[in-house]
Amino acid sequence: AMARLRFFALGYDAYGLAASLAAAPGVPAGLAGLSGMLSFDTAGRVHRQLPWAQFHDGRIVLLGHTGNALPP
């Protein structure tokens, strides 16, 4: 089940990146995707920046985030 969620996030983010390229061709753009903060560099490569998090009582807690913990 976890692998399907990862592939869903990858497909969702790929679709979002393709849509942002279609909206503004040639312009490096960014996207807050399901797999992290995604952006293009000037050579057209995709970069991903992950949020900082830590484990607390077996759950993932995003640092600097006031919401609930993510499921284990």
N, C-alpha and C. Protein backbone atom coordinates (compact mmCIF):
# COMPACT_ATOMS: atom_id res chain seq x y z
N ALA A 1 0.82 -1.19 0.00
CA ALA A 1 0.00 0.00 0.00
C ALA A 1 0.87 1.26 0.00
N MET A 2 1.99 1.23 0.75
CA MET A 2 2.86 2.41 0.83
C MET A 2 3.50 2.72 -0.53
N ALA A 3 3.86 1.67 -1.28
CA ALA A 3 4.47 1.90 -2.60
C ALA A 3 3.48 2.58 -3.53
N ARG A 4 2.20 2.21 -3.44
CA ARG A 4 1.20 2.85 -4.29
C ARG A 4 1.07 4.33 -3.98
N LEU A 5 1.18 4.69 -2.69
CA LEU A 5 1.10 6.10 -2.32
C LEU A 5 2.28 6.88 -2.88
N ARG A 6 3.46 6.26 -2.86
CA ARG A 6 4.64 6.94 -3.42
C ARG A 6 4.48 7.17 -4.92
N PHE A 7 3.98 6.14 -5.62
CA PHE A 7 3.79 6.29 -7.06
C PHE A 7 2.69 7.30 -7.36
N PHE A 8 1.67 7.36 -6.53
CA PHE A 8 0.62 8.36 -6.70
C PHE A 8 1.23 9.76 -6.57
N ALA A 9 2.05 9.97 -5.53
CA ALA A 9 2.69 11.28 -5.31
C ALA A 9 3.59 11.63 -6.49
N LEU A 10 4.34 10.66 -6.99
CA LEU A 10 5.23 10.91 -8.13
C LEU A 10 4.43 11.32 -9.36
N GLY A 11 3.34 10.61 -9.65
CA GLY A 11 2.50 10.94 -10.80
C GLY A 11 1.83 12.29 -10.65
N TYR A 12 1.33 12.56 -9.45
CA TYR A 12 0.69 13.85 -9.16
C TYR A 12 1.68 15.00 -9.38
N ASP A 13 2.89 14.84 -8.86
CA ASP A 13 3.90 15.89 -9.00
C ASP A 13 4.36 16.03 -10.45
N ALA A 14 4.51 14.92 -11.16
CA ALA A 14 4.90 14.99 -12.57
C ALA A 14 3.86 15.74 -13.39
N TYR A 15 2.59 15.48 -13.11
CA TYR A 15 1.51 16.18 -13.80
C TYR A 15 1.57 17.68 -13.49
N GLY A 16 1.79 18.02 -12.22
CA GLY A 16 1.88 19.42 -11.82
C GLY A 16 3.05 20.14 -12.47
N LEU A 17 4.19 19.45 -12.55
CA LEU A 17 5.36 20.05 -13.20
C LEU A 17 5.11 20.26 -14.69
N ALA A 18 4.49 19.27 -15.34
CA ALA A 18 4.18 19.40 -16.77
C ALA A 18 3.21 20.55 -17.00
N ALA A 19 2.23 20.70 -16.12
CA ALA A 19 1.26 21.80 -16.26
C ALA A 19 1.94 23.15 -16.07
N SER A 20 2.90 23.24 -15.12
CA SER A 20 3.57 24.51 -14.91
C SER A 20 4.48 24.85 -16.09
N LEU A 21 5.08 23.84 -16.72
CA LEU A 21 5.88 24.09 -17.92
C LEU A 21 5.01 24.55 -19.09
N ALA A 22 3.84 23.93 -19.22
CA ALA A 22 2.93 24.31 -20.31
C ALA A 22 2.42 25.74 -20.13
N ALA A 23 2.21 26.14 -18.87
CA ALA A 23 1.69 27.48 -18.59
C ALA A 23 2.73 28.56 -18.86
N ALA A 24 4.00 28.25 -18.60
CA ALA A 24 5.08 29.24 -18.79
C ALA A 24 6.31 28.54 -19.34
N PRO A 25 6.31 28.19 -20.66
CA PRO A 25 7.44 27.47 -21.24
C PRO A 25 8.74 28.26 -21.12
N GLY A 26 9.81 27.55 -20.79
CA GLY A 26 11.14 28.17 -20.72
C GLY A 26 11.41 28.93 -19.45
N VAL A 27 10.42 29.05 -18.59
CA VAL A 27 10.61 29.80 -17.34
C VAL A 27 10.74 28.81 -16.20
N PRO A 28 11.87 28.79 -15.50
CA PRO A 28 11.98 27.88 -14.35
C PRO A 28 10.91 28.22 -13.32
N ALA A 29 10.12 27.23 -12.96
CA ALA A 29 9.02 27.43 -12.03
C ALA A 29 9.15 26.47 -10.87
N GLY A 30 8.36 26.68 -9.85
CA GLY A 30 8.38 25.80 -8.69
C GLY A 30 6.99 25.28 -8.39
N LEU A 31 6.94 24.24 -7.58
CA LEU A 31 5.67 23.61 -7.25
C LEU A 31 5.78 23.00 -5.86
N ALA A 32 4.80 23.26 -5.03
CA ALA A 32 4.72 22.58 -3.73
C ALA A 32 4.02 21.26 -3.99
N GLY A 33 4.80 20.21 -4.22
CA GLY A 33 4.25 18.91 -4.57
C GLY A 33 4.01 18.02 -3.37
N LEU A 34 3.46 16.85 -3.64
CA LEU A 34 3.23 15.88 -2.58
C LEU A 34 4.53 15.25 -2.10
N SER A 35 5.56 15.27 -2.94
CA SER A 35 6.84 14.65 -2.58
C SER A 35 7.87 15.67 -2.11
N GLY A 36 7.47 16.92 -1.93
CA GLY A 36 8.38 17.97 -1.49
C GLY A 36 8.23 19.22 -2.34
N MET A 37 9.07 20.19 -2.09
CA MET A 37 9.08 21.42 -2.88
C MET A 37 9.92 21.17 -4.13
N LEU A 38 9.29 21.27 -5.29
CA LEU A 38 9.95 20.96 -6.55
C LEU A 38 10.22 22.24 -7.33
N SER A 39 11.38 22.27 -7.99
CA SER A 39 11.70 23.43 -8.82
C SER A 39 12.60 22.99 -9.96
N PHE A 40 12.66 23.82 -10.98
CA PHE A 40 13.55 23.60 -12.12
C PHE A 40 14.74 24.53 -11.99
N ASP A 41 15.91 24.06 -12.43
CA ASP A 41 17.04 24.98 -12.54
C ASP A 41 17.09 25.48 -13.98
N THR A 42 18.05 26.32 -14.30
CA THR A 42 18.11 26.91 -15.64
C THR A 42 18.45 25.90 -16.72
N ALA A 43 18.99 24.73 -16.33
CA ALA A 43 19.28 23.67 -17.30
C ALA A 43 18.09 22.73 -17.49
N GLY A 44 16.98 22.99 -16.78
CA GLY A 44 15.78 22.18 -16.93
C GLY A 44 15.73 20.96 -16.02
N ARG A 45 16.69 20.83 -15.11
CA ARG A 45 16.67 19.71 -14.16
C ARG A 45 15.71 20.00 -13.03
N VAL A 46 15.06 18.95 -12.54
CA VAL A 46 14.13 19.09 -11.43
C VAL A 46 14.89 18.87 -10.12
N HIS A 47 14.64 19.75 -9.16
CA HIS A 47 15.23 19.62 -7.82
C HIS A 47 14.10 19.49 -6.81
N ARG A 48 14.37 18.69 -5.77
CA ARG A 48 13.36 18.48 -4.73
C ARG A 48 13.96 18.85 -3.38
N GLN A 49 13.24 19.65 -2.64
CA GLN A 49 13.65 20.02 -1.29
C GLN A 49 12.61 19.45 -0.32
N LEU A 50 13.09 18.66 0.63
CA LEU A 50 12.19 18.02 1.58
C LEU A 50 12.08 18.86 2.84
N PRO A 51 10.92 18.82 3.49
CA PRO A 51 10.78 19.55 4.75
C PRO A 51 11.53 18.82 5.86
N TRP A 52 11.99 19.56 6.86
CA TRP A 52 12.63 18.97 8.02
C TRP A 52 11.57 18.38 8.92
N ALA A 53 11.86 17.18 9.45
CA ALA A 53 10.92 16.49 10.34
C ALA A 53 11.70 15.66 11.34
N GLN A 54 11.01 15.19 12.36
CA GLN A 54 11.62 14.28 13.32
C GLN A 54 10.56 13.30 13.80
N PHE A 55 11.03 12.18 14.31
CA PHE A 55 10.12 11.19 14.88
C PHE A 55 9.82 11.57 16.32
N HIS A 56 8.55 11.48 16.70
CA HIS A 56 8.13 11.73 18.07
C HIS A 56 7.07 10.69 18.42
N ASP A 57 7.39 9.82 19.36
CA ASP A 57 6.48 8.74 19.76
C ASP A 57 6.05 7.90 18.56
N GLY A 58 7.00 7.60 17.67
CA GLY A 58 6.70 6.75 16.52
C GLY A 58 5.99 7.42 15.37
N ARG A 59 5.79 8.70 15.46
CA ARG A 59 5.11 9.45 14.39
C ARG A 59 6.06 10.50 13.82
N ILE A 60 5.83 10.89 12.59
CA ILE A 60 6.63 11.92 11.95
C ILE A 60 6.00 13.27 12.23
N VAL A 61 6.80 14.20 12.78
CA VAL A 61 6.33 15.55 13.07
C VAL A 61 7.16 16.52 12.24
N LEU A 62 6.48 17.30 11.40
CA LEU A 62 7.18 18.30 10.59
C LEU A 62 7.65 19.41 11.50
N LEU A 63 8.90 19.80 11.38
CA LEU A 63 9.43 20.88 12.21
C LEU A 63 8.94 22.21 11.67
N GLY A 64 8.55 23.10 12.58
CA GLY A 64 8.03 24.40 12.18
C GLY A 64 6.60 24.33 11.69
N HIS A 65 5.93 23.21 11.90
CA HIS A 65 4.55 23.02 11.45
C HIS A 65 3.68 22.83 12.68
N THR A 66 2.57 23.52 12.75
CA THR A 66 1.72 23.44 13.94
C THR A 66 0.61 22.40 13.79
N GLY A 67 0.52 21.73 12.65
CA GLY A 67 -0.53 20.73 12.44
C GLY A 67 -0.22 19.43 13.16
N ASN A 68 -1.06 18.44 12.93
CA ASN A 68 -0.91 17.14 13.56
C ASN A 68 0.25 16.37 12.95
N ALA A 69 0.68 15.35 13.68
CA ALA A 69 1.74 14.47 13.18
C ALA A 69 1.22 13.65 12.00
N LEU A 70 2.12 13.25 11.13
CA LEU A 70 1.76 12.39 10.01
C LEU A 70 1.65 10.96 10.50
N PRO A 71 0.86 10.11 9.84
CA PRO A 71 0.76 8.71 10.28
C PRO A 71 2.09 8.00 10.13
N PRO A 72 2.34 6.98 10.99
CA PRO A 72 3.62 6.26 10.91
C PRO A 72 3.76 5.48 9.63
